[in-house]
N, C-alpha and C. Protein backbone atom coordinates (compact mmCIF):
# COMPACT_ATOMS: atom_id res chain seq x y z
N MET A 1 0.84 -1.18 0.00
CA MET A 1 0.00 0.00 0.00
C MET A 1 0.88 1.24 0.00
N LEU A 2 0.49 2.23 -0.81
CA LEU A 2 1.21 3.51 -0.78
C LEU A 2 0.96 4.16 0.57
N THR A 3 1.92 4.96 1.00
CA THR A 3 1.82 5.55 2.33
C THR A 3 2.38 6.97 2.33
N VAL A 4 2.54 7.52 3.51
CA VAL A 4 3.01 8.89 3.69
C VAL A 4 4.34 9.09 2.97
N GLY A 5 4.40 10.16 2.19
CA GLY A 5 5.59 10.50 1.43
C GLY A 5 5.56 10.03 -0.01
N ASP A 6 4.66 9.10 -0.33
CA ASP A 6 4.54 8.62 -1.71
C ASP A 6 3.71 9.60 -2.54
N LYS A 7 3.98 9.60 -3.82
CA LYS A 7 3.17 10.40 -4.76
C LYS A 7 1.85 9.67 -5.01
N PHE A 8 0.74 10.41 -4.94
CA PHE A 8 -0.55 9.81 -5.26
C PHE A 8 -0.54 9.47 -6.75
N PRO A 9 -1.04 8.29 -7.12
CA PRO A 9 -0.96 7.84 -8.52
C PRO A 9 -1.76 8.71 -9.49
N SER A 10 -1.32 8.70 -10.73
CA SER A 10 -2.09 9.34 -11.80
C SER A 10 -3.33 8.51 -12.05
N PHE A 11 -4.42 9.19 -12.40
CA PHE A 11 -5.65 8.49 -12.74
C PHE A 11 -6.50 9.37 -13.64
N ASP A 12 -7.41 8.75 -14.34
CA ASP A 12 -8.38 9.43 -15.21
C ASP A 12 -9.63 8.55 -15.17
N LEU A 13 -10.62 8.96 -14.36
CA LEU A 13 -11.79 8.13 -14.11
C LEU A 13 -13.09 8.91 -14.25
N LYS A 14 -14.13 8.19 -14.60
CA LYS A 14 -15.46 8.77 -14.58
C LYS A 14 -15.88 8.91 -13.13
N ALA A 15 -16.66 9.95 -12.86
CA ALA A 15 -17.15 10.18 -11.50
C ALA A 15 -18.59 10.65 -11.57
N VAL A 16 -19.28 10.48 -10.46
CA VAL A 16 -20.67 10.92 -10.33
C VAL A 16 -20.71 12.00 -9.25
N VAL A 17 -21.40 13.11 -9.55
CA VAL A 17 -21.46 14.22 -8.61
C VAL A 17 -22.88 14.53 -8.13
N SER A 18 -23.86 13.78 -8.64
CA SER A 18 -25.24 13.97 -8.20
C SER A 18 -26.06 12.76 -8.66
N GLY A 19 -27.35 12.82 -8.37
CA GLY A 19 -28.25 11.76 -8.81
C GLY A 19 -28.96 12.08 -10.11
N ASP A 20 -28.56 13.15 -10.77
CA ASP A 20 -29.19 13.58 -12.02
C ASP A 20 -28.48 12.93 -13.20
N ILE A 21 -29.20 12.12 -13.95
CA ILE A 21 -28.58 11.39 -15.07
C ILE A 21 -28.07 12.32 -16.17
N LYS A 22 -28.63 13.53 -16.28
CA LYS A 22 -28.20 14.46 -17.33
C LYS A 22 -26.95 15.25 -16.94
N THR A 23 -26.80 15.57 -15.67
CA THR A 23 -25.69 16.43 -15.25
C THR A 23 -24.79 15.79 -14.20
N GLY A 24 -25.07 14.56 -13.82
CA GLY A 24 -24.38 13.93 -12.71
C GLY A 24 -23.03 13.33 -13.00
N PHE A 25 -22.62 13.27 -14.26
CA PHE A 25 -21.36 12.61 -14.61
C PHE A 25 -20.28 13.63 -14.93
N THR A 26 -19.05 13.31 -14.55
CA THR A 26 -17.90 14.14 -14.89
C THR A 26 -16.67 13.25 -15.02
N GLN A 27 -15.62 13.80 -15.58
CA GLN A 27 -14.35 13.09 -15.67
C GLN A 27 -13.44 13.70 -14.62
N LEU A 28 -12.75 12.88 -13.87
CA LEU A 28 -11.87 13.36 -12.81
C LEU A 28 -10.48 12.76 -13.03
N THR A 29 -9.46 13.57 -12.89
CA THR A 29 -8.08 13.09 -13.02
C THR A 29 -7.28 13.55 -11.80
N ASP A 30 -6.06 13.06 -11.72
CA ASP A 30 -5.18 13.50 -10.65
C ASP A 30 -4.84 14.98 -10.80
N GLN A 31 -5.06 15.56 -11.97
CA GLN A 31 -4.79 16.98 -12.20
C GLN A 31 -6.00 17.88 -11.91
N SER A 32 -7.16 17.27 -11.69
CA SER A 32 -8.35 18.06 -11.34
C SER A 32 -8.09 18.77 -10.01
N ASP A 33 -8.55 19.99 -9.91
CA ASP A 33 -8.38 20.78 -8.68
C ASP A 33 -6.91 20.89 -8.28
N ALA A 34 -6.05 21.10 -9.27
CA ALA A 34 -4.61 21.24 -9.02
C ALA A 34 -4.37 22.34 -8.00
N GLY A 35 -3.39 22.12 -7.14
CA GLY A 35 -3.02 23.11 -6.14
C GLY A 35 -3.84 23.07 -4.87
N LYS A 36 -4.78 22.13 -4.78
CA LYS A 36 -5.61 22.01 -3.58
C LYS A 36 -5.23 20.75 -2.80
N TRP A 37 -5.53 20.77 -1.53
CA TRP A 37 -5.47 19.55 -0.73
C TRP A 37 -6.62 18.66 -1.19
N LYS A 38 -6.43 17.35 -1.04
CA LYS A 38 -7.49 16.41 -1.42
C LYS A 38 -7.59 15.31 -0.36
N VAL A 39 -8.81 14.91 -0.10
CA VAL A 39 -9.06 13.74 0.74
C VAL A 39 -9.76 12.72 -0.13
N PHE A 40 -9.11 11.58 -0.31
CA PHE A 40 -9.69 10.46 -1.05
C PHE A 40 -10.09 9.40 -0.05
N PHE A 41 -11.32 8.93 -0.16
CA PHE A 41 -11.72 7.81 0.68
C PHE A 41 -12.46 6.79 -0.16
N PHE A 42 -12.12 5.53 0.06
CA PHE A 42 -12.65 4.43 -0.74
C PHE A 42 -13.47 3.50 0.14
N TRP A 43 -14.49 2.90 -0.48
CA TRP A 43 -15.32 1.91 0.21
C TRP A 43 -15.42 0.68 -0.68
N PRO A 44 -15.79 -0.48 -0.10
CA PRO A 44 -15.80 -1.73 -0.86
C PRO A 44 -16.80 -1.77 -2.02
N LYS A 45 -18.08 -1.53 -1.72
CA LYS A 45 -19.12 -1.67 -2.75
C LYS A 45 -20.31 -0.77 -2.43
N ASP A 46 -20.97 -0.31 -3.46
CA ASP A 46 -22.23 0.41 -3.30
C ASP A 46 -23.32 -0.57 -2.87
N PHE A 47 -24.41 -0.04 -2.39
CA PHE A 47 -25.57 -0.82 -1.96
C PHE A 47 -25.21 -1.79 -0.83
N THR A 48 -24.37 -1.33 0.08
CA THR A 48 -24.01 -2.14 1.24
C THR A 48 -24.43 -1.40 2.51
N PHE A 49 -23.93 -1.81 3.66
CA PHE A 49 -24.48 -1.33 4.92
C PHE A 49 -23.61 -0.32 5.66
N VAL A 50 -22.32 -0.59 5.81
CA VAL A 50 -21.43 0.32 6.52
C VAL A 50 -21.10 1.53 5.63
N CYS A 51 -20.92 1.29 4.35
CA CYS A 51 -20.48 2.33 3.41
C CYS A 51 -21.34 3.61 3.45
N PRO A 52 -22.67 3.52 3.40
CA PRO A 52 -23.43 4.77 3.39
C PRO A 52 -23.29 5.57 4.67
N THR A 53 -23.03 4.89 5.80
CA THR A 53 -22.85 5.65 7.04
C THR A 53 -21.62 6.53 6.94
N GLU A 54 -20.57 6.02 6.33
CA GLU A 54 -19.34 6.80 6.15
C GLU A 54 -19.53 7.91 5.13
N ILE A 55 -20.12 7.57 4.00
CA ILE A 55 -20.29 8.54 2.92
C ILE A 55 -21.13 9.72 3.38
N VAL A 56 -22.22 9.44 4.07
CA VAL A 56 -23.09 10.51 4.59
C VAL A 56 -22.34 11.33 5.64
N ALA A 57 -21.55 10.67 6.49
CA ALA A 57 -20.80 11.39 7.52
C ALA A 57 -19.74 12.31 6.89
N PHE A 58 -19.07 11.86 5.85
CA PHE A 58 -18.14 12.74 5.13
C PHE A 58 -18.91 13.91 4.52
N GLY A 59 -20.07 13.61 3.91
CA GLY A 59 -20.88 14.66 3.30
C GLY A 59 -21.34 15.70 4.30
N ALA A 60 -21.60 15.28 5.53
CA ALA A 60 -22.07 16.20 6.57
C ALA A 60 -21.02 17.25 6.92
N ILE A 61 -19.76 16.93 6.68
CA ILE A 61 -18.70 17.91 6.99
C ILE A 61 -17.93 18.34 5.73
N GLU A 62 -18.53 18.12 4.57
CA GLU A 62 -17.88 18.53 3.33
C GLU A 62 -17.58 20.03 3.34
N LYS A 63 -18.48 20.83 3.86
CA LYS A 63 -18.26 22.29 3.92
C LYS A 63 -16.99 22.61 4.72
N ALA A 64 -16.76 21.88 5.80
CA ALA A 64 -15.55 22.10 6.59
C ALA A 64 -14.29 21.79 5.78
N PHE A 65 -14.33 20.73 4.98
CA PHE A 65 -13.20 20.43 4.10
C PHE A 65 -13.02 21.56 3.07
N ASN A 66 -14.12 22.00 2.47
CA ASN A 66 -14.06 23.08 1.47
C ASN A 66 -13.47 24.35 2.07
N GLU A 67 -13.84 24.66 3.32
CA GLU A 67 -13.31 25.85 4.00
C GLU A 67 -11.80 25.77 4.19
N ARG A 68 -11.25 24.58 4.13
CA ARG A 68 -9.81 24.36 4.27
C ARG A 68 -9.14 24.18 2.90
N ASP A 69 -9.84 24.62 1.85
CA ASP A 69 -9.33 24.53 0.48
C ASP A 69 -8.99 23.08 0.13
N THR A 70 -9.88 22.18 0.56
CA THR A 70 -9.67 20.75 0.38
C THR A 70 -10.84 20.14 -0.37
N VAL A 71 -10.52 19.32 -1.36
CA VAL A 71 -11.53 18.63 -2.16
C VAL A 71 -11.73 17.23 -1.61
N LEU A 72 -12.97 16.86 -1.44
CA LEU A 72 -13.34 15.53 -0.96
C LEU A 72 -13.70 14.67 -2.16
N VAL A 73 -13.13 13.46 -2.24
CA VAL A 73 -13.41 12.54 -3.34
C VAL A 73 -13.62 11.14 -2.77
N GLY A 74 -14.77 10.56 -3.05
CA GLY A 74 -15.04 9.18 -2.65
C GLY A 74 -14.87 8.26 -3.83
N GLY A 75 -14.87 6.97 -3.57
CA GLY A 75 -14.77 6.05 -4.68
C GLY A 75 -14.83 4.59 -4.28
N SER A 76 -15.15 3.79 -5.28
CA SER A 76 -15.17 2.33 -5.13
C SER A 76 -14.92 1.72 -6.50
N ILE A 77 -15.03 0.40 -6.57
CA ILE A 77 -14.81 -0.32 -7.82
C ILE A 77 -16.09 -0.42 -8.65
N ASP A 78 -17.17 0.18 -8.16
CA ASP A 78 -18.44 0.16 -8.89
C ASP A 78 -18.41 1.10 -10.09
N THR A 79 -19.31 0.87 -11.05
CA THR A 79 -19.40 1.74 -12.22
C THR A 79 -20.07 3.06 -11.85
N GLU A 80 -19.92 4.02 -12.73
CA GLU A 80 -20.59 5.31 -12.53
C GLU A 80 -22.11 5.14 -12.52
N PHE A 81 -22.62 4.16 -13.23
CA PHE A 81 -24.06 3.93 -13.28
C PHE A 81 -24.58 3.32 -11.98
N VAL A 82 -23.77 2.48 -11.36
CA VAL A 82 -24.14 1.94 -10.05
C VAL A 82 -24.10 3.06 -9.02
N HIS A 83 -23.06 3.92 -9.08
CA HIS A 83 -23.00 5.09 -8.19
C HIS A 83 -24.26 5.94 -8.36
N LEU A 84 -24.63 6.21 -9.59
CA LEU A 84 -25.82 7.02 -9.87
C LEU A 84 -27.07 6.37 -9.29
N ALA A 85 -27.25 5.09 -9.54
CA ALA A 85 -28.42 4.37 -9.05
C ALA A 85 -28.48 4.40 -7.52
N TRP A 86 -27.33 4.27 -6.88
CA TRP A 86 -27.31 4.29 -5.41
C TRP A 86 -27.70 5.66 -4.90
N ARG A 87 -27.17 6.72 -5.53
CA ARG A 87 -27.54 8.08 -5.14
C ARG A 87 -29.05 8.30 -5.34
N GLN A 88 -29.59 7.75 -6.42
CA GLN A 88 -31.01 7.93 -6.70
C GLN A 88 -31.89 7.12 -5.74
N SER A 89 -31.36 6.05 -5.19
CA SER A 89 -32.16 5.16 -4.35
C SER A 89 -32.27 5.61 -2.90
N ARG A 90 -31.42 6.55 -2.50
CA ARG A 90 -31.40 7.00 -1.10
C ARG A 90 -31.35 8.51 -1.04
N GLU A 91 -32.29 9.09 -0.35
CA GLU A 91 -32.36 10.55 -0.24
C GLU A 91 -31.09 11.12 0.37
N ASP A 92 -30.53 10.48 1.42
CA ASP A 92 -29.34 11.02 2.07
C ASP A 92 -28.13 11.02 1.13
N LEU A 93 -27.99 10.00 0.31
CA LEU A 93 -26.88 9.96 -0.65
C LEU A 93 -27.14 10.90 -1.83
N GLY A 94 -28.40 11.05 -2.21
CA GLY A 94 -28.75 11.90 -3.33
C GLY A 94 -28.46 13.37 -3.10
N LYS A 95 -28.38 13.79 -1.85
CA LYS A 95 -28.11 15.19 -1.51
C LYS A 95 -26.63 15.54 -1.57
N LEU A 96 -25.77 14.54 -1.64
CA LEU A 96 -24.33 14.79 -1.59
C LEU A 96 -23.83 15.36 -2.91
N THR A 97 -22.77 16.17 -2.84
CA THR A 97 -22.28 16.86 -4.03
C THR A 97 -20.84 16.53 -4.38
N PHE A 98 -20.11 15.86 -3.50
CA PHE A 98 -18.72 15.55 -3.84
C PHE A 98 -18.66 14.37 -4.80
N PRO A 99 -17.61 14.31 -5.63
CA PRO A 99 -17.53 13.25 -6.64
C PRO A 99 -17.21 11.88 -6.05
N TRP A 100 -17.79 10.87 -6.71
CA TRP A 100 -17.50 9.46 -6.41
C TRP A 100 -16.88 8.88 -7.67
N VAL A 101 -15.60 8.52 -7.60
CA VAL A 101 -14.95 7.95 -8.77
C VAL A 101 -15.34 6.48 -8.94
N ALA A 102 -15.39 6.08 -10.20
CA ALA A 102 -15.74 4.70 -10.57
C ALA A 102 -14.48 4.02 -11.07
N ASP A 103 -13.84 3.28 -10.18
CA ASP A 103 -12.58 2.60 -10.52
C ASP A 103 -12.88 1.17 -10.98
N VAL A 104 -13.63 1.08 -12.06
CA VAL A 104 -14.14 -0.21 -12.56
C VAL A 104 -13.00 -1.17 -12.90
N LYS A 105 -11.95 -0.69 -13.51
CA LYS A 105 -10.82 -1.54 -13.87
C LYS A 105 -9.89 -1.79 -12.68
N ARG A 106 -10.19 -1.15 -11.56
CA ARG A 106 -9.41 -1.30 -10.33
C ARG A 106 -7.97 -0.78 -10.47
N GLU A 107 -7.73 0.07 -11.45
CA GLU A 107 -6.38 0.57 -11.69
C GLU A 107 -5.89 1.49 -10.58
N LEU A 108 -6.74 2.42 -10.13
CA LEU A 108 -6.33 3.31 -9.06
C LEU A 108 -6.18 2.55 -7.75
N CYS A 109 -7.15 1.71 -7.44
CA CYS A 109 -7.07 0.91 -6.20
C CYS A 109 -5.84 0.02 -6.19
N GLN A 110 -5.52 -0.56 -7.35
CA GLN A 110 -4.34 -1.42 -7.45
C GLN A 110 -3.07 -0.58 -7.28
N ALA A 111 -3.02 0.58 -7.92
CA ALA A 111 -1.83 1.45 -7.80
C ALA A 111 -1.64 1.91 -6.35
N LEU A 112 -2.74 2.11 -5.63
CA LEU A 112 -2.67 2.50 -4.23
C LEU A 112 -2.35 1.31 -3.32
N GLY A 113 -2.59 0.11 -3.82
CA GLY A 113 -2.37 -1.09 -3.02
C GLY A 113 -3.47 -1.35 -2.01
N ILE A 114 -4.72 -0.99 -2.37
CA ILE A 114 -5.82 -1.10 -1.42
C ILE A 114 -6.90 -2.09 -1.84
N LEU A 115 -6.57 -3.02 -2.72
CA LEU A 115 -7.54 -4.05 -3.08
C LEU A 115 -7.50 -5.17 -2.05
N ASP A 116 -8.66 -5.54 -1.55
CA ASP A 116 -8.74 -6.66 -0.62
C ASP A 116 -8.33 -7.93 -1.34
N LYS A 117 -7.42 -8.69 -0.75
CA LYS A 117 -6.87 -9.88 -1.39
C LYS A 117 -7.90 -10.98 -1.61
N ASN A 118 -8.90 -11.05 -0.76
CA ASN A 118 -9.91 -12.10 -0.89
C ASN A 118 -11.11 -11.67 -1.72
N GLU A 119 -11.57 -10.46 -1.51
CA GLU A 119 -12.81 -9.99 -2.15
C GLU A 119 -12.58 -9.25 -3.47
N GLY A 120 -11.38 -8.68 -3.67
CA GLY A 120 -11.10 -7.92 -4.90
C GLY A 120 -11.77 -6.57 -4.94
N VAL A 121 -12.22 -6.07 -3.78
CA VAL A 121 -12.85 -4.76 -3.68
C VAL A 121 -11.90 -3.82 -2.95
N ALA A 122 -12.21 -2.53 -3.00
CA ALA A 122 -11.40 -1.55 -2.30
C ALA A 122 -11.55 -1.73 -0.80
N LEU A 123 -10.44 -1.62 -0.09
CA LEU A 123 -10.50 -1.56 1.36
C LEU A 123 -11.02 -0.19 1.76
N ARG A 124 -11.39 -0.04 3.03
CA ARG A 124 -11.82 1.26 3.55
C ARG A 124 -10.59 2.13 3.79
N ALA A 125 -10.03 2.64 2.72
CA ALA A 125 -8.78 3.40 2.77
C ALA A 125 -9.06 4.89 2.65
N THR A 126 -8.27 5.66 3.36
CA THR A 126 -8.38 7.12 3.34
C THR A 126 -6.99 7.71 3.14
N PHE A 127 -6.90 8.70 2.26
CA PHE A 127 -5.64 9.38 1.98
C PHE A 127 -5.85 10.88 2.02
N ILE A 128 -4.98 11.59 2.71
CA ILE A 128 -4.91 13.05 2.61
C ILE A 128 -3.71 13.35 1.73
N VAL A 129 -3.95 14.12 0.67
CA VAL A 129 -2.93 14.41 -0.33
C VAL A 129 -2.72 15.92 -0.36
N ASP A 130 -1.46 16.34 -0.28
CA ASP A 130 -1.17 17.78 -0.26
C ASP A 130 -1.24 18.38 -1.67
N PRO A 131 -1.15 19.70 -1.79
CA PRO A 131 -1.27 20.33 -3.11
C PRO A 131 -0.22 19.90 -4.13
N GLN A 132 0.88 19.30 -3.68
CA GLN A 132 1.91 18.81 -4.60
C GLN A 132 1.68 17.36 -5.00
N GLY A 133 0.57 16.76 -4.51
CA GLY A 133 0.24 15.38 -4.87
C GLY A 133 0.93 14.33 -4.01
N ILE A 134 1.45 14.74 -2.87
CA ILE A 134 2.14 13.82 -1.96
C ILE A 134 1.18 13.36 -0.87
N ILE A 135 1.16 12.05 -0.62
CA ILE A 135 0.31 11.50 0.44
C ILE A 135 0.89 11.92 1.79
N ARG A 136 0.06 12.56 2.61
CA ARG A 136 0.50 13.03 3.93
C ARG A 136 -0.16 12.25 5.06
N PHE A 137 -1.19 11.46 4.72
CA PHE A 137 -1.89 10.63 5.71
C PHE A 137 -2.48 9.46 4.95
N ALA A 138 -2.36 8.26 5.54
CA ALA A 138 -2.95 7.06 4.94
C ALA A 138 -3.48 6.19 6.07
N SER A 139 -4.70 5.69 5.87
CA SER A 139 -5.33 4.86 6.89
C SER A 139 -6.22 3.84 6.21
N VAL A 140 -6.27 2.64 6.79
CA VAL A 140 -7.14 1.59 6.25
C VAL A 140 -7.86 0.91 7.41
N ASN A 141 -9.16 0.74 7.25
CA ASN A 141 -9.97 0.00 8.21
C ASN A 141 -10.35 -1.35 7.63
N ASP A 142 -10.64 -2.28 8.51
CA ASP A 142 -11.19 -3.57 8.11
C ASP A 142 -12.50 -3.32 7.36
N LEU A 143 -12.86 -4.23 6.48
CA LEU A 143 -14.08 -4.06 5.70
C LEU A 143 -15.32 -3.89 6.57
N SER A 144 -15.30 -4.42 7.78
CA SER A 144 -16.49 -4.39 8.63
C SER A 144 -16.59 -3.17 9.54
N VAL A 145 -15.58 -2.29 9.52
CA VAL A 145 -15.55 -1.17 10.47
C VAL A 145 -15.47 0.16 9.73
N GLY A 146 -16.41 1.04 10.01
CA GLY A 146 -16.42 2.37 9.42
C GLY A 146 -15.37 3.28 10.04
N ARG A 147 -14.98 4.29 9.30
CA ARG A 147 -13.97 5.24 9.78
C ARG A 147 -14.63 6.48 10.35
N ASN A 148 -13.82 7.38 10.90
CA ASN A 148 -14.29 8.59 11.54
C ASN A 148 -13.89 9.82 10.71
N PRO A 149 -14.81 10.40 9.95
CA PRO A 149 -14.47 11.57 9.13
C PRO A 149 -13.99 12.77 9.95
N ASP A 150 -14.47 12.92 11.18
CA ASP A 150 -14.00 14.02 12.02
C ASP A 150 -12.52 13.88 12.33
N GLU A 151 -12.04 12.66 12.48
CA GLU A 151 -10.61 12.44 12.72
C GLU A 151 -9.81 12.78 11.47
N VAL A 152 -10.33 12.49 10.30
CA VAL A 152 -9.65 12.86 9.06
C VAL A 152 -9.54 14.38 8.96
N LEU A 153 -10.61 15.08 9.31
CA LEU A 153 -10.59 16.55 9.31
C LEU A 153 -9.59 17.08 10.33
N ARG A 154 -9.52 16.46 11.52
CA ARG A 154 -8.57 16.88 12.55
C ARG A 154 -7.14 16.73 12.05
N VAL A 155 -6.84 15.60 11.41
CA VAL A 155 -5.49 15.37 10.89
C VAL A 155 -5.19 16.37 9.77
N LEU A 156 -6.15 16.65 8.91
CA LEU A 156 -5.95 17.66 7.87
C LEU A 156 -5.60 19.01 8.49
N ASP A 157 -6.35 19.40 9.53
CA ASP A 157 -6.05 20.66 10.21
C ASP A 157 -4.62 20.68 10.73
N ALA A 158 -4.21 19.59 11.33
CA ALA A 158 -2.85 19.50 11.87
C ALA A 158 -1.81 19.60 10.75
N LEU A 159 -2.03 18.88 9.67
CA LEU A 159 -1.10 18.92 8.54
C LEU A 159 -1.00 20.33 7.96
N GLN A 160 -2.11 21.02 7.89
CA GLN A 160 -2.11 22.35 7.29
C GLN A 160 -1.43 23.40 8.17
N THR A 161 -1.18 23.11 9.45
CA THR A 161 -0.44 24.06 10.29
C THR A 161 1.04 24.06 9.92
N ASP A 162 1.52 22.94 9.36
CA ASP A 162 2.94 22.75 9.07
C ASP A 162 3.78 22.90 10.33
N GLU A 163 3.18 22.53 11.46
CA GLU A 163 3.83 22.60 12.78
C GLU A 163 3.79 21.23 13.43
N LEU A 164 4.43 21.11 14.59
CA LEU A 164 4.36 19.90 15.40
C LEU A 164 3.07 19.93 16.21
N CYS A 165 2.22 18.95 16.04
CA CYS A 165 0.93 18.91 16.73
C CYS A 165 0.87 17.69 17.65
N PRO A 166 0.57 17.90 18.93
CA PRO A 166 0.53 16.78 19.86
C PRO A 166 -0.69 15.89 19.65
N CYS A 167 -0.68 14.78 20.36
CA CYS A 167 -1.81 13.84 20.36
C CYS A 167 -3.10 14.57 20.68
N ASN A 168 -4.14 14.25 19.94
CA ASN A 168 -5.48 14.81 20.14
C ASN A 168 -5.57 16.32 19.92
N TRP A 169 -4.57 16.90 19.26
CA TRP A 169 -4.57 18.32 18.96
C TRP A 169 -5.83 18.67 18.17
N GLN A 170 -6.40 19.83 18.47
CA GLN A 170 -7.57 20.34 17.75
C GLN A 170 -7.24 21.73 17.19
N GLN A 171 -7.88 22.08 16.08
CA GLN A 171 -7.66 23.37 15.45
C GLN A 171 -7.87 24.48 16.49
N GLY A 172 -6.92 25.43 16.50
CA GLY A 172 -6.99 26.55 17.44
C GLY A 172 -6.16 26.35 18.70
N GLU A 173 -5.76 25.11 18.98
CA GLU A 173 -4.93 24.84 20.15
C GLU A 173 -3.47 25.14 19.82
N ALA A 174 -2.68 25.29 20.88
CA ALA A 174 -1.25 25.56 20.72
C ALA A 174 -0.56 24.37 20.08
N VAL A 175 0.42 24.67 19.25
CA VAL A 175 1.26 23.63 18.66
C VAL A 175 2.53 23.52 19.49
N LEU A 176 3.29 22.46 19.27
CA LEU A 176 4.53 22.25 20.01
C LEU A 176 5.66 23.04 19.36
N LYS A 177 6.55 23.53 20.18
CA LYS A 177 7.73 24.23 19.69
C LYS A 177 8.95 23.40 20.05
N ALA A 178 9.78 23.10 19.06
CA ALA A 178 11.00 22.33 19.30
C ALA A 178 11.97 23.18 20.11
N ALA A 179 12.59 22.59 21.10
CA ALA A 179 13.51 23.33 21.98
C ALA A 179 14.83 23.59 21.30
C-alpha cells in the first residue's frame, strides 16, 4: 500500500457528482483541482451497509473540508451507473455533491495497493494528499468497520499548520515548539 511521502498515482476516471442522469457525470483526473489539498476515501461496494454511514458522515462535513481549500473525493470499484443508481435510491446519498470515482478496472485501487486480497474490492482506505500530490496521511480499516471523518478533518487541520501537533490536537490549540 502507498503511504506517507509517496506520490498519489495518476488516474483518469469517470465520476458521479449527483443523482441527475443528465448532469451527474464528470471526468476526474489526478490533475483536477490542481493546487488544492485532497481527501480520497474508498469503500468496498455500493448498496451495502457500513459504506453509506461513512459517505453521509463525510458529506455532513464537506463544507468544513471546502473551508480548508480541500476537495473531498469518494470512490469504489463500482461503475458510474451503479453510483448514480445508489444516489437515486437513497435521499441522504442523493443530496451529496462531492464526486465518487468509478474505478471499474481497479487501476487506481491497485496502484494505491488497497484491493482486498480475498474480495477484490477496495479496502476502507483514506488518503490526505497535499497540493503537490504527496500523500501526507494514509489509513485503512477492516471491511467491517467504518472510519471517523471528524478524525480525518482533525489530521488535515494538523497537517495544514505545518507545525508539530501533539496527540489529540484540535484546530486553534497551541502547537509544540522544538527546543
